All heavy atoms as atom14 arrays in JSON, in Angstrom:
{
  "sequence": "EVNNNTNPNISEYQELPEIPDILMVNQDGYQRR",
  "atom14_mask": [
    [1, 1, 1, 1, 1, 1, 1, 1, 1, 0, 0, 0, 0, 0],
    [1, 1, 1, 1, 1, 1, 1, 0, 0, 0, 0, 0, 0, 0],
    [1, 1, 1, 1, 1, 1, 1, 1, 0, 0, 0, 0, 0, 0],
    [1, 1, 1, 1, 1, 1, 1, 1, 0, 0, 0, 0, 0, 0],
    [1, 1, 1, 1, 1, 1, 1, 1, 0, 0, 0, 0, 0, 0],
    [1, 1, 1, 1, 1, 1, 1, 0, 0, 0, 0, 0, 0, 0],
    [1, 1, 1, 1, 1, 1, 1, 1, 0, 0, 0, 0, 0, 0],
    [1, 1, 1, 1, 1, 1, 1, 0, 0, 0, 0, 0, 0, 0],
    [1, 1, 1, 1, 1, 1, 1, 1, 0, 0, 0, 0, 0, 0],
    [1, 1, 1, 1, 1, 1, 1, 1, 0, 0, 0, 0, 0, 0],
    [1, 1, 1, 1, 1, 1, 0, 0, 0, 0, 0, 0, 0, 0],
    [1, 1, 1, 1, 1, 1, 1, 1, 1, 0, 0, 0, 0, 0],
    [1, 1, 1, 1, 1, 1, 1, 1, 1, 1, 1, 1, 0, 0],
    [1, 1, 1, 1, 1, 1, 1, 1, 1, 0, 0, 0, 0, 0],
    [1, 1, 1, 1, 1, 1, 1, 1, 1, 0, 0, 0, 0, 0],
    [1, 1, 1, 1, 1, 1, 1, 1, 0, 0, 0, 0, 0, 0],
    [1, 1, 1, 1, 1, 1, 1, 0, 0, 0, 0, 0, 0, 0],
    [1, 1, 1, 1, 1, 1, 1, 1, 1, 0, 0, 0, 0, 0],
    [1, 1, 1, 1, 1, 1, 1, 1, 0, 0, 0, 0, 0, 0],
    [1, 1, 1, 1, 1, 1, 1, 0, 0, 0, 0, 0, 0, 0],
    [1, 1, 1, 1, 1, 1, 1, 1, 0, 0, 0, 0, 0, 0],
    [1, 1, 1, 1, 1, 1, 1, 1, 0, 0, 0, 0, 0, 0],
    [1, 1, 1, 1, 1, 1, 1, 1, 0, 0, 0, 0, 0, 0],
    [1, 1, 1, 1, 1, 1, 1, 1, 0, 0, 0, 0, 0, 0],
    [1, 1, 1, 1, 1, 1, 1, 0, 0, 0, 0, 0, 0, 0],
    [1, 1, 1, 1, 1, 1, 1, 1, 0, 0, 0, 0, 0, 0],
    [1, 1, 1, 1, 1, 1, 1, 1, 1, 0, 0, 0, 0, 0],
    [1, 1, 1, 1, 1, 1, 1, 1, 0, 0, 0, 0, 0, 0],
    [1, 1, 1, 1, 0, 0, 0, 0, 0, 0, 0, 0, 0, 0],
    [1, 1, 1, 1, 1, 1, 1, 1, 1, 1, 1, 1, 0, 0],
    [1, 1, 1, 1, 1, 1, 1, 1, 1, 0, 0, 0, 0, 0],
    [1, 1, 1, 1, 1, 1, 1, 1, 1, 1, 1, 0, 0, 0],
    [1, 1, 1, 1, 1, 1, 1, 1, 1, 1, 1, 0, 0, 0]
  ],
  "atom14_positions": [
    [[30.28, 8.35, 2.24], [30.29, 9.79, 2.24], [29.35, 10.26, 1.14], [29.35, 9.72, 0.03], [31.7, 10.33, 1.99], [32.67, 10.02, 3.11], [34.04, 10.61, 2.85], [34.19, 11.3, 1.83], [34.94, 10.37, 3.68], [0.0, 0.0, 0.0], [0.0, 0.0, 0.0], [0.0, 0.0, 0.0], [0.0, 0.0, 0.0], [0.0, 0.0, 0.0]],
    [[28.56, 11.28, 1.44], [27.56, 11.72, 0.48], [27.77, 13.19, 0.16], [27.92, 14.02, 1.05], [26.13, 11.52, 1.03], [25.11, 12.04, 0.03], [25.89, 10.06, 1.33], [0.0, 0.0, 0.0], [0.0, 0.0, 0.0], [0.0, 0.0, 0.0], [0.0, 0.0, 0.0], [0.0, 0.0, 0.0], [0.0, 0.0, 0.0], [0.0, 0.0, 0.0]],
    [[27.79, 13.5, -1.1], [27.85, 14.87, -1.58], [26.57, 15.14, -2.33], [26.3, 14.48, -3.34], [29.08, 15.04, -2.5], [29.22, 16.47, -3.01], [28.28, 17.24, -2.99], [30.42, 16.78, -3.49], [0.0, 0.0, 0.0], [0.0, 0.0, 0.0], [0.0, 0.0, 0.0], [0.0, 0.0, 0.0], [0.0, 0.0, 0.0], [0.0, 0.0, 0.0]],
    [[25.79, 16.07, -1.9], [24.49, 16.32, -2.53], [24.62, 16.92, -3.93], [23.61, 17.18, -4.58], [23.63, 17.21, -1.65], [22.95, 16.43, -0.56], [22.91, 15.2, -0.58], [22.42, 17.12, 0.43], [0.0, 0.0, 0.0], [0.0, 0.0, 0.0], [0.0, 0.0, 0.0], [0.0, 0.0, 0.0], [0.0, 0.0, 0.0], [0.0, 0.0, 0.0]],
    [[25.83, 17.15, -4.39], [26.03, 17.61, -5.75], [26.43, 16.47, -6.68], [26.73, 16.67, -7.84], [27.12, 18.7, -5.79], [26.68, 19.96, -5.06], [25.55, 20.39, -5.23], [27.56, 20.55, -4.29], [0.0, 0.0, 0.0], [0.0, 0.0, 0.0], [0.0, 0.0, 0.0], [0.0, 0.0, 0.0], [0.0, 0.0, 0.0], [0.0, 0.0, 0.0]],
    [[26.48, 15.24, -6.15], [26.85, 14.11, -6.98], [25.74, 13.78, -7.96], [24.58, 14.14, -7.77], [27.12, 12.86, -6.12], [25.94, 12.57, -5.34], [28.3, 13.09, -5.19], [0.0, 0.0, 0.0], [0.0, 0.0, 0.0], [0.0, 0.0, 0.0], [0.0, 0.0, 0.0], [0.0, 0.0, 0.0], [0.0, 0.0, 0.0], [0.0, 0.0, 0.0]],
    [[26.1, 13.1, -9.04], [25.13, 12.72, -10.06], [24.93, 11.22, -10.02], [25.79, 10.47, -10.46], [25.62, 13.14, -11.45], [25.7, 14.64, -11.6], [24.79, 15.34, -11.19], [26.78, 15.13, -12.19], [0.0, 0.0, 0.0], [0.0, 0.0, 0.0], [0.0, 0.0, 0.0], [0.0, 0.0, 0.0], [0.0, 0.0, 0.0], [0.0, 0.0, 0.0]],
    [[23.82, 10.74, -9.48], [23.57, 9.3, -9.44], [23.29, 8.78, -10.84], [23.05, 9.53, -11.77], [22.32, 9.2, -8.55], [21.63, 10.51, -8.74], [22.72, 11.52, -8.92], [0.0, 0.0, 0.0], [0.0, 0.0, 0.0], [0.0, 0.0, 0.0], [0.0, 0.0, 0.0], [0.0, 0.0, 0.0], [0.0, 0.0, 0.0], [0.0, 0.0, 0.0]],
    [[23.34, 7.47, -10.97], [23.03, 6.82, -12.23], [21.52, 6.81, -12.4], [20.81, 6.05, -11.73], [23.59, 5.39, -12.22], [23.39, 4.68, -13.53], [22.75, 5.18, -14.44], [23.93, 3.48, -13.63], [0.0, 0.0, 0.0], [0.0, 0.0, 0.0], [0.0, 0.0, 0.0], [0.0, 0.0, 0.0], [0.0, 0.0, 0.0], [0.0, 0.0, 0.0]],
    [[21.01, 7.65, -13.3], [19.58, 7.83, -13.47], [19.14, 7.27, -14.82], [19.69, 7.65, -15.85], [19.19, 9.32, -13.39], [19.69, 9.95, -12.08], [17.68, 9.5, -13.53], [19.47, 11.44, -12.01], [0.0, 0.0, 0.0], [0.0, 0.0, 0.0], [0.0, 0.0, 0.0], [0.0, 0.0, 0.0], [0.0, 0.0, 0.0], [0.0, 0.0, 0.0]],
    [[18.17, 6.39, -14.81], [17.66, 5.85, -16.06], [16.63, 6.8, -16.66], [16.09, 7.68, -15.98], [17.01, 4.48, -15.81], [15.79, 4.64, -15.09], [0.0, 0.0, 0.0], [0.0, 0.0, 0.0], [0.0, 0.0, 0.0], [0.0, 0.0, 0.0], [0.0, 0.0, 0.0], [0.0, 0.0, 0.0], [0.0, 0.0, 0.0], [0.0, 0.0, 0.0]],
    [[16.34, 6.61, -17.94], [15.25, 7.34, -18.58], [13.92, 6.71, -18.14], [13.87, 5.55, -17.73], [15.39, 7.27, -20.1], [16.64, 7.92, -20.64], [16.68, 9.41, -20.4], [15.59, 10.03, -20.42], [17.77, 9.96, -20.19], [0.0, 0.0, 0.0], [0.0, 0.0, 0.0], [0.0, 0.0, 0.0], [0.0, 0.0, 0.0], [0.0, 0.0, 0.0]],
    [[12.84, 7.5, -18.26], [11.53, 6.93, -17.96], [11.19, 5.85, -18.98], [11.46, 6.0, -20.18], [10.45, 8.01, -17.97], [10.32, 8.72, -16.64], [10.84, 9.99, -16.46], [9.69, 8.1, -15.57], [10.74, 10.63, -15.25], [9.58, 8.73, -14.35], [10.1, 10.0, -14.19], [10.0, 10.63, -12.98], [0.0, 0.0, 0.0], [0.0, 0.0, 0.0]],
    [[10.62, 4.75, -18.48], [10.25, 3.63, -19.32], [8.83, 3.19, -18.98], [8.27, 3.59, -17.96], [11.21, 2.45, -19.08], [12.67, 2.78, -19.28], [13.55, 1.61, -18.86], [13.34, 0.48, -19.28], [14.53, 1.88, -18.03], [0.0, 0.0, 0.0], [0.0, 0.0, 0.0], [0.0, 0.0, 0.0], [0.0, 0.0, 0.0], [0.0, 0.0, 0.0]],
    [[8.27, 2.34, -19.86], [6.97, 1.75, -19.55], [7.09, 0.87, -18.32], [8.14, 0.27, -18.07], [6.46, 0.93, -20.73], [6.11, 1.76, -21.95], [5.52, 0.92, -23.07], [5.33, -0.31, -22.84], [5.26, 1.45, -24.15], [0.0, 0.0, 0.0], [0.0, 0.0, 0.0], [0.0, 0.0, 0.0], [0.0, 0.0, 0.0], [0.0, 0.0, 0.0]],
    [[6.02, 0.76, -17.56], [6.05, -0.02, -16.33], [6.38, -1.48, -16.61], [5.82, -2.08, -17.53], [4.7, 0.06, -15.61], [4.29, 1.43, -15.07], [2.93, 1.32, -14.38], [5.32, 2.0, -14.12], [0.0, 0.0, 0.0], [0.0, 0.0, 0.0], [0.0, 0.0, 0.0], [0.0, 0.0, 0.0], [0.0, 0.0, 0.0], [0.0, 0.0, 0.0]],
    [[7.29, -2.07, -15.83], [7.63, -3.48, -16.02], [6.6, -4.38, -15.33], [5.8, -3.94, -14.51], [8.98, -3.6, -15.34], [8.87, -2.62, -14.2], [8.08, -1.47, -14.74], [0.0, 0.0, 0.0], [0.0, 0.0, 0.0], [0.0, 0.0, 0.0], [0.0, 0.0, 0.0], [0.0, 0.0, 0.0], [0.0, 0.0, 0.0], [0.0, 0.0, 0.0]],
    [[6.66, -5.66, -15.66], [5.84, -6.63, -14.94], [6.48, -6.88, -13.58], [7.69, -7.08, -13.46], [5.76, -7.94, -15.72], [4.85, -8.98, -15.1], [4.76, -10.23, -15.94], [5.8, -10.86, -16.16], [3.64, -10.58, -16.37], [0.0, 0.0, 0.0], [0.0, 0.0, 0.0], [0.0, 0.0, 0.0], [0.0, 0.0, 0.0], [0.0, 0.0, 0.0]],
    [[5.67, -6.87, -12.53], [6.17, -7.08, -11.18], [5.34, -8.17, -10.5], [4.17, -8.36, -10.82], [6.11, -5.79, -10.33], [4.67, -5.27, -10.22], [7.05, -4.73, -10.87], [4.5, -4.11, -9.24], [0.0, 0.0, 0.0], [0.0, 0.0, 0.0], [0.0, 0.0, 0.0], [0.0, 0.0, 0.0], [0.0, 0.0, 0.0], [0.0, 0.0, 0.0]],
    [[5.92, -8.89, -9.54], [5.15, -9.88, -8.78], [4.22, -9.17, -7.81], [4.61, -8.22, -7.14], [6.22, -10.68, -8.04], [7.37, -9.73, -7.91], [7.35, -8.88, -9.15], [0.0, 0.0, 0.0], [0.0, 0.0, 0.0], [0.0, 0.0, 0.0], [0.0, 0.0, 0.0], [0.0, 0.0, 0.0], [0.0, 0.0, 0.0], [0.0, 0.0, 0.0]],
    [[2.98, -9.62, -7.75], [1.99, -8.96, -6.89], [2.11, -9.5, -5.46], [1.24, -10.21, -4.96], [0.59, -9.18, -7.43], [-0.43, -8.24, -6.79], [0.0, -7.26, -6.16], [-1.64, -8.48, -6.94], [0.0, 0.0, 0.0], [0.0, 0.0, 0.0], [0.0, 0.0, 0.0], [0.0, 0.0, 0.0], [0.0, 0.0, 0.0], [0.0, 0.0, 0.0]],
    [[3.19, -9.14, -4.81], [3.48, -9.71, -3.49], [2.57, -9.13, -2.41], [2.1, -8.0, -2.49], [4.96, -9.5, -3.11], [5.3, -8.0, -3.01], [5.87, -10.18, -4.12], [6.72, -7.73, -2.53], [0.0, 0.0, 0.0], [0.0, 0.0, 0.0], [0.0, 0.0, 0.0], [0.0, 0.0, 0.0], [0.0, 0.0, 0.0], [0.0, 0.0, 0.0]],
    [[2.36, -9.93, -1.38], [1.61, -9.5, -0.21], [2.58, -8.88, 0.79], [3.6, -9.48, 1.13], [0.89, -10.69, 0.42], [-0.02, -10.41, 1.61], [-1.21, -9.55, 1.17], [-0.52, -11.71, 2.22], [0.0, 0.0, 0.0], [0.0, 0.0, 0.0], [0.0, 0.0, 0.0], [0.0, 0.0, 0.0], [0.0, 0.0, 0.0], [0.0, 0.0, 0.0]],
    [[2.27, -7.68, 1.26], [3.17, -6.98, 2.16], [2.42, -6.58, 3.42], [1.19, -6.54, 3.46], [3.75, -5.74, 1.48], [4.38, -6.04, 0.13], [5.64, -4.83, -0.35], [7.03, -5.46, 0.58], [0.0, 0.0, 0.0], [0.0, 0.0, 0.0], [0.0, 0.0, 0.0], [0.0, 0.0, 0.0], [0.0, 0.0, 0.0], [0.0, 0.0, 0.0]],
    [[3.19, -6.28, 4.48], [2.63, -5.84, 5.76], [3.25, -4.5, 6.1], [4.46, -4.32, 5.97], [2.94, -6.87, 6.87], [2.37, -6.39, 8.2], [2.38, -8.23, 6.52], [0.0, 0.0, 0.0], [0.0, 0.0, 0.0], [0.0, 0.0, 0.0], [0.0, 0.0, 0.0], [0.0, 0.0, 0.0], [0.0, 0.0, 0.0], [0.0, 0.0, 0.0]],
    [[2.41, -3.54, 6.54], [2.96, -2.24, 6.89], [3.28, -2.15, 8.38], [3.13, -3.12, 9.13], [2.02, -1.12, 6.45], [0.74, -1.02, 7.29], [0.57, -1.71, 8.3], [-0.17, -0.17, 6.88], [0.0, 0.0, 0.0], [0.0, 0.0, 0.0], [0.0, 0.0, 0.0], [0.0, 0.0, 0.0], [0.0, 0.0, 0.0], [0.0, 0.0, 0.0]],
    [[3.73, -0.99, 8.8], [4.18, -0.79, 10.18], [3.06, -0.92, 11.21], [3.32, -1.02, 12.4], [4.85, 0.58, 10.32], [3.92, 1.77, 10.25], [3.47, 2.14, 8.85], [4.19, 1.85, 7.88], [2.33, 2.78, 8.73], [0.0, 0.0, 0.0], [0.0, 0.0, 0.0], [0.0, 0.0, 0.0], [0.0, 0.0, 0.0], [0.0, 0.0, 0.0]],
    [[1.83, -0.94, 10.75], [0.68, -1.11, 11.66], [0.1, -2.51, 11.59], [-0.93, -2.79, 12.2], [-0.4, -0.07, 11.33], [0.08, 1.34, 11.59], [0.72, 1.58, 12.64], [-0.18, 2.22, 10.74], [0.0, 0.0, 0.0], [0.0, 0.0, 0.0], [0.0, 0.0, 0.0], [0.0, 0.0, 0.0], [0.0, 0.0, 0.0], [0.0, 0.0, 0.0]],
    [[0.76, -3.41, 10.84], [0.32, -4.79, 10.77], [-0.73, -5.08, 9.73], [-1.26, -6.19, 9.68], [0.0, 0.0, 0.0], [0.0, 0.0, 0.0], [0.0, 0.0, 0.0], [0.0, 0.0, 0.0], [0.0, 0.0, 0.0], [0.0, 0.0, 0.0], [0.0, 0.0, 0.0], [0.0, 0.0, 0.0], [0.0, 0.0, 0.0], [0.0, 0.0, 0.0]],
    [[-1.06, -4.09, 8.87], [-2.07, -4.31, 7.84], [-1.44, -4.9, 6.59], [-0.4, -4.44, 6.12], [-2.78, -3.0, 7.5], [-3.61, -2.44, 8.63], [-3.22, -1.29, 9.3], [-4.78, -3.08, 9.04], [-3.96, -0.78, 10.35], [-5.54, -2.57, 10.09], [-5.12, -1.42, 10.74], [-5.86, -0.92, 11.78], [0.0, 0.0, 0.0], [0.0, 0.0, 0.0]],
    [[-2.11, -5.93, 6.02], [-1.62, -6.58, 4.81], [-2.29, -6.0, 3.57], [-3.5, -5.78, 3.55], [-1.9, -8.08, 4.87], [-1.16, -8.82, 5.97], [-1.32, -10.33, 5.87], [-1.96, -10.83, 4.95], [-0.75, -11.04, 6.81], [0.0, 0.0, 0.0], [0.0, 0.0, 0.0], [0.0, 0.0, 0.0], [0.0, 0.0, 0.0], [0.0, 0.0, 0.0]],
    [[-1.46, -5.78, 2.53], [-1.98, -5.32, 1.24], [-1.11, -5.87, 0.13], [0.1, -6.04, 0.29], [-1.99, -3.79, 1.16], [-2.94, -3.1, 2.11], [-2.87, -1.59, 1.9], [-3.45, -1.18, 0.63], [-3.31, 0.06, 0.12], [-2.6, 0.95, 0.76], [-3.87, 0.36, -1.04], [0.0, 0.0, 0.0], [0.0, 0.0, 0.0], [0.0, 0.0, 0.0]],
    [[-1.71, -6.14, -1.01], [-0.97, -6.49, -2.2], [-0.25, -5.24, -2.72], [-0.77, -4.13, -2.63], [-1.91, -7.03, -3.28], [-2.48, -8.41, -2.95], [-1.46, -9.48, -3.2], [-1.95, -10.81, -2.8], [-1.21, -11.89, -2.83], [0.04, -11.82, -3.26], [-1.71, -13.06, -2.44], [0.0, 0.0, 0.0], [0.0, 0.0, 0.0], [0.0, 0.0, 0.0]]
  ]
}
């Protein structure tokens, strides 16, 4: 059940973390990092 007045758990803005540069495919079949 969803109430649009609820308060989700929101973090503060932070510096960008390190992420794995994974290869992905979109809905049209195109691959991009």
